[in-house]
Amino acid sequence: MIEIKKLSPDLTKDFTDYLEGMIFTHAPQWKSCFCHFYHNNLSFEQWIKRTGEENKQASIQAIQDGQMTGFLLYKDHQCIGWLNVNEVQYFPRLEKLLSPYVIGKKVALSICFIIHPDFRGQGIARQLLTHAIEYYKGLGFDGMIACPIESMNNKDQRYRGTMNMYLENGYEILDEIENVQIMYKQL
């Protein structure tokens, strides 16, 4: 049985337990992120000095404040997937990149998909994205934006979702900056 739940303060422990239990052998530096990287505007030098516990506590506070949200996907009551998605304003690290595309609009950004290794390649990220689209459409948002990194040789870069996944869901490519595709879906 698959169930998708919106991250809320009462699911904070599920979120932190899931990320603490995740094996990041493909990208060990992600172990200490707790999906907080895009929720701050620290310099890269400041960011790399932070501990996992600092990021965990910052994410917990952001969840409590409603600044970090997204969706957890459960299979048979076990969390196996996470999508970090919220209104663009809550991702200050990407403000400069995305502001030209969202001015005057209410837009949600999907940024990080973390799928348990045993369930990758089974459409879990697509299910999370489809759910998020319907959720934000129901809230009356103007659109959703994504910025997948296209890297054919580096699967680690797919944490933002794949260009094909977004195209299948009706996103259009607005721009390309280096290897980042700026994609938008009108809701």
Protein backbone atom coordinates (compact mmCIF):
# COMPACT_ATOMS: atom_id res chain seq x y z
CA MET A 1 0.00 0.00 0.00
CA ILE A 2 1.37 3.42 -1.05
CA GLU A 3 0.53 6.53 0.96
CA ILE A 4 1.79 10.08 0.45
CA LYS A 5 1.72 12.47 3.39
CA LYS A 6 2.44 16.20 3.47
CA LEU A 7 5.32 17.02 5.80
CA SER A 8 3.97 18.75 8.88
CA PRO A 9 5.34 19.27 12.39
CA ASP A 10 3.82 15.98 13.54
CA LEU A 11 5.83 14.10 10.85
CA THR A 12 9.16 15.74 11.72
CA LYS A 13 10.50 12.56 13.33
CA ASP A 14 9.58 10.49 10.26
CA PHE A 15 11.47 13.01 8.13
CA THR A 16 14.61 13.10 10.29
CA ASP A 17 14.59 9.32 10.87
CA TYR A 18 14.28 8.73 7.13
CA LEU A 19 17.20 11.00 6.26
CA GLU A 20 19.35 9.74 9.15
CA GLY A 21 18.77 6.16 8.02
CA MET A 22 19.47 6.87 4.37
CA ILE A 23 22.64 5.42 2.91
CA PHE A 24 24.27 8.08 0.75
CA THR A 25 27.13 5.97 -0.63
CA HIS A 26 26.75 7.71 -4.02
CA ALA A 27 27.02 11.19 -2.44
CA PRO A 28 28.33 11.01 1.17
CA GLN A 29 28.26 14.81 1.55
CA TRP A 30 24.45 14.66 1.46
CA LYS A 31 24.34 12.77 4.77
CA SER A 32 24.66 16.01 6.73
CA CYS A 33 22.35 18.17 4.56
CA PHE A 34 18.91 17.28 5.95
CA CYS A 35 17.54 19.01 2.85
CA HIS A 36 18.53 22.38 4.28
CA PHE A 37 20.96 23.51 1.55
CA TYR A 38 18.41 25.45 -0.52
CA HIS A 39 16.62 26.84 2.55
CA ASN A 40 19.48 29.16 3.45
CA ASN A 41 21.73 31.65 1.72
CA LEU A 42 24.99 30.91 3.49
CA SER A 43 28.13 31.16 1.39
CA PHE A 44 29.49 27.82 0.24
CA GLU A 45 32.42 28.22 2.66
CA GLN A 46 29.99 28.74 5.55
CA TRP A 47 27.83 25.84 4.39
CA ILE A 48 30.60 23.23 4.29
CA LYS A 49 31.58 24.12 7.88
CA ARG A 50 28.13 23.25 9.19
CA THR A 51 27.52 19.94 10.94
CA GLY A 52 24.74 17.49 10.23
CA GLU A 53 23.26 18.26 13.63
CA GLU A 54 23.16 21.99 12.85
CA ASN A 55 21.38 21.31 9.56
CA LYS A 56 19.01 18.84 11.20
CA GLN A 57 18.03 21.39 13.85
CA ALA A 58 17.63 24.13 11.23
CA SER A 59 15.37 21.86 9.18
CA ILE A 60 13.32 20.93 12.24
CA GLN A 61 12.84 24.63 12.98
CA ALA A 62 11.93 25.33 9.35
CA ILE A 63 9.34 22.52 9.46
CA GLN A 64 7.88 23.95 12.67
CA ASP A 65 7.72 27.41 11.06
CA GLY A 66 6.12 26.09 7.84
CA GLN A 67 9.10 27.16 5.74
CA MET A 68 10.09 23.59 4.89
CA THR A 69 7.49 21.26 3.59
CA GLY A 70 7.08 18.59 1.00
CA PHE A 71 5.83 15.05 0.80
CA LEU A 72 6.87 11.75 2.33
CA LEU A 73 5.94 8.56 0.50
CA TYR A 74 5.29 5.41 2.49
CA LYS A 75 5.03 1.85 1.28
CA ASP A 76 3.46 -0.50 3.81
CA HIS A 77 3.96 2.17 6.51
CA GLN A 78 7.71 2.48 5.78
CA CYS A 79 8.97 5.83 4.48
CA ILE A 80 10.75 5.25 1.17
CA GLY A 81 10.70 8.67 -0.48
CA TRP A 82 10.87 12.39 0.13
CA LEU A 83 10.21 15.42 -2.08
CA ASN A 84 11.22 18.88 -0.87
CA VAL A 85 8.67 21.25 -2.41
CA ASN A 86 7.26 24.56 -1.26
CA GLU A 87 6.58 28.10 -2.39
CA VAL A 88 9.65 29.52 -4.18
CA GLN A 89 10.17 32.22 -1.53
CA TYR A 90 11.28 29.56 0.99
CA PHE A 91 14.38 28.64 -1.06
CA PRO A 92 16.61 31.73 -0.68
CA ARG A 93 19.65 30.04 -2.22
CA LEU A 94 17.81 29.93 -5.56
CA GLU A 95 16.16 33.36 -5.40
CA LYS A 96 18.53 35.02 -7.87
CA LEU A 97 18.29 32.12 -10.33
CA LEU A 98 14.49 31.79 -10.27
CA SER A 99 13.18 35.31 -9.62
CA PRO A 100 12.99 36.32 -13.32
CA TYR A 101 10.57 33.44 -13.96
CA VAL A 102 8.24 33.85 -10.98
CA ILE A 103 7.74 37.60 -10.56
CA GLY A 104 4.12 38.36 -9.74
CA LYS A 105 3.14 34.70 -9.58
CA LYS A 106 2.44 32.23 -6.81
CA VAL A 107 4.80 29.39 -7.70
CA ALA A 108 5.98 26.23 -5.96
CA LEU A 109 9.44 24.76 -6.48
CA SER A 110 10.26 21.05 -6.38
CA ILE A 111 13.95 20.70 -5.63
CA CYS A 112 15.07 17.48 -3.89
CA PHE A 113 13.88 13.92 -4.39
CA ILE A 114 15.40 11.44 -1.97
CA ILE A 115 14.30 7.91 -2.79
CA HIS A 116 15.42 4.88 -0.80
CA PRO A 117 17.98 2.92 -2.88
CA ASP A 118 15.85 -0.25 -2.83
CA PHE A 119 13.00 1.61 -4.54
CA ARG A 120 14.80 3.72 -7.13
CA GLY A 121 13.76 3.30 -10.74
CA GLN A 122 10.21 2.31 -9.74
CA GLY A 123 8.44 5.61 -10.39
CA ILE A 124 8.45 6.83 -6.77
CA ALA A 125 9.75 10.30 -7.71
CA ARG A 126 7.11 10.56 -10.43
CA GLN A 127 4.38 9.70 -7.93
CA LEU A 128 5.65 12.36 -5.55
CA LEU A 129 5.80 14.97 -8.33
CA THR A 130 2.29 14.14 -9.59
CA HIS A 131 0.97 14.43 -6.04
CA ALA A 132 2.70 17.79 -5.53
CA ILE A 133 1.29 19.15 -8.80
CA GLU A 134 -2.25 18.24 -7.77
CA TYR A 135 -1.72 19.61 -4.27
CA TYR A 136 -0.48 23.03 -5.41
CA LYS A 137 -3.07 23.19 -8.18
CA GLY A 138 -5.70 22.63 -5.49
CA LEU A 139 -4.26 25.54 -3.48
CA GLY A 140 -4.67 27.85 -6.46
CA PHE A 141 -1.00 28.31 -7.30
CA ASP A 142 -0.19 29.80 -10.70
CA GLY A 143 2.46 27.23 -11.48
CA MET A 144 5.35 25.03 -10.49
CA ILE A 145 8.99 25.45 -11.36
CA ALA A 146 11.87 22.99 -11.40
CA CYS A 147 15.55 23.19 -12.21
CA PRO A 148 16.84 19.70 -13.00
CA ILE A 149 20.52 19.24 -13.72
CA GLU A 150 21.08 17.39 -16.95
CA SER A 151 24.08 15.14 -16.54
CA MET A 152 24.08 11.98 -18.60
CA ASN A 153 27.10 10.49 -16.82
CA ASN A 154 26.39 11.47 -13.23
CA LYS A 155 23.30 9.93 -11.61
CA ASP A 156 24.04 11.90 -8.42
CA GLN A 157 22.77 15.01 -10.19
CA ARG A 158 19.29 13.50 -10.63
CA TYR A 159 18.26 14.42 -7.10
CA ARG A 160 16.36 17.39 -8.55
CA GLY A 161 14.37 15.07 -10.81
CA THR A 162 14.96 14.42 -14.48
CA MET A 163 14.05 16.59 -17.41
CA ASN A 164 11.99 13.74 -18.89
CA MET A 165 10.00 13.36 -15.68
CA TYR A 166 9.05 17.04 -15.82
CA LEU A 167 8.29 17.00 -19.56
CA GLU A 168 5.97 14.01 -19.02
CA ASN A 169 4.08 16.13 -16.48
CA GLY A 170 3.58 19.08 -18.82
CA TYR A 171 6.51 21.28 -17.86
CA GLU A 172 8.09 23.48 -20.51
CA ILE A 173 11.74 24.46 -20.75
CA LEU A 174 12.08 28.20 -20.15
CA ASP A 175 15.84 28.49 -20.12
CA GLU A 176 19.10 26.61 -19.79
CA ILE A 177 21.88 27.95 -17.60
CA GLU A 178 25.00 25.82 -17.94
CA ASN A 179 23.61 22.30 -17.40
CA VAL A 180 20.55 23.43 -15.40
CA GLN A 181 17.19 23.43 -17.16
CA ILE A 182 14.66 25.98 -15.87
CA MET A 183 11.27 24.31 -16.34
CA TYR A 184 7.78 25.61 -15.62
CA LYS A 185 4.31 24.13 -15.49
CA GLN A 186 1.28 26.39 -15.49
CA LEU A 187 -1.38 25.10 -13.11
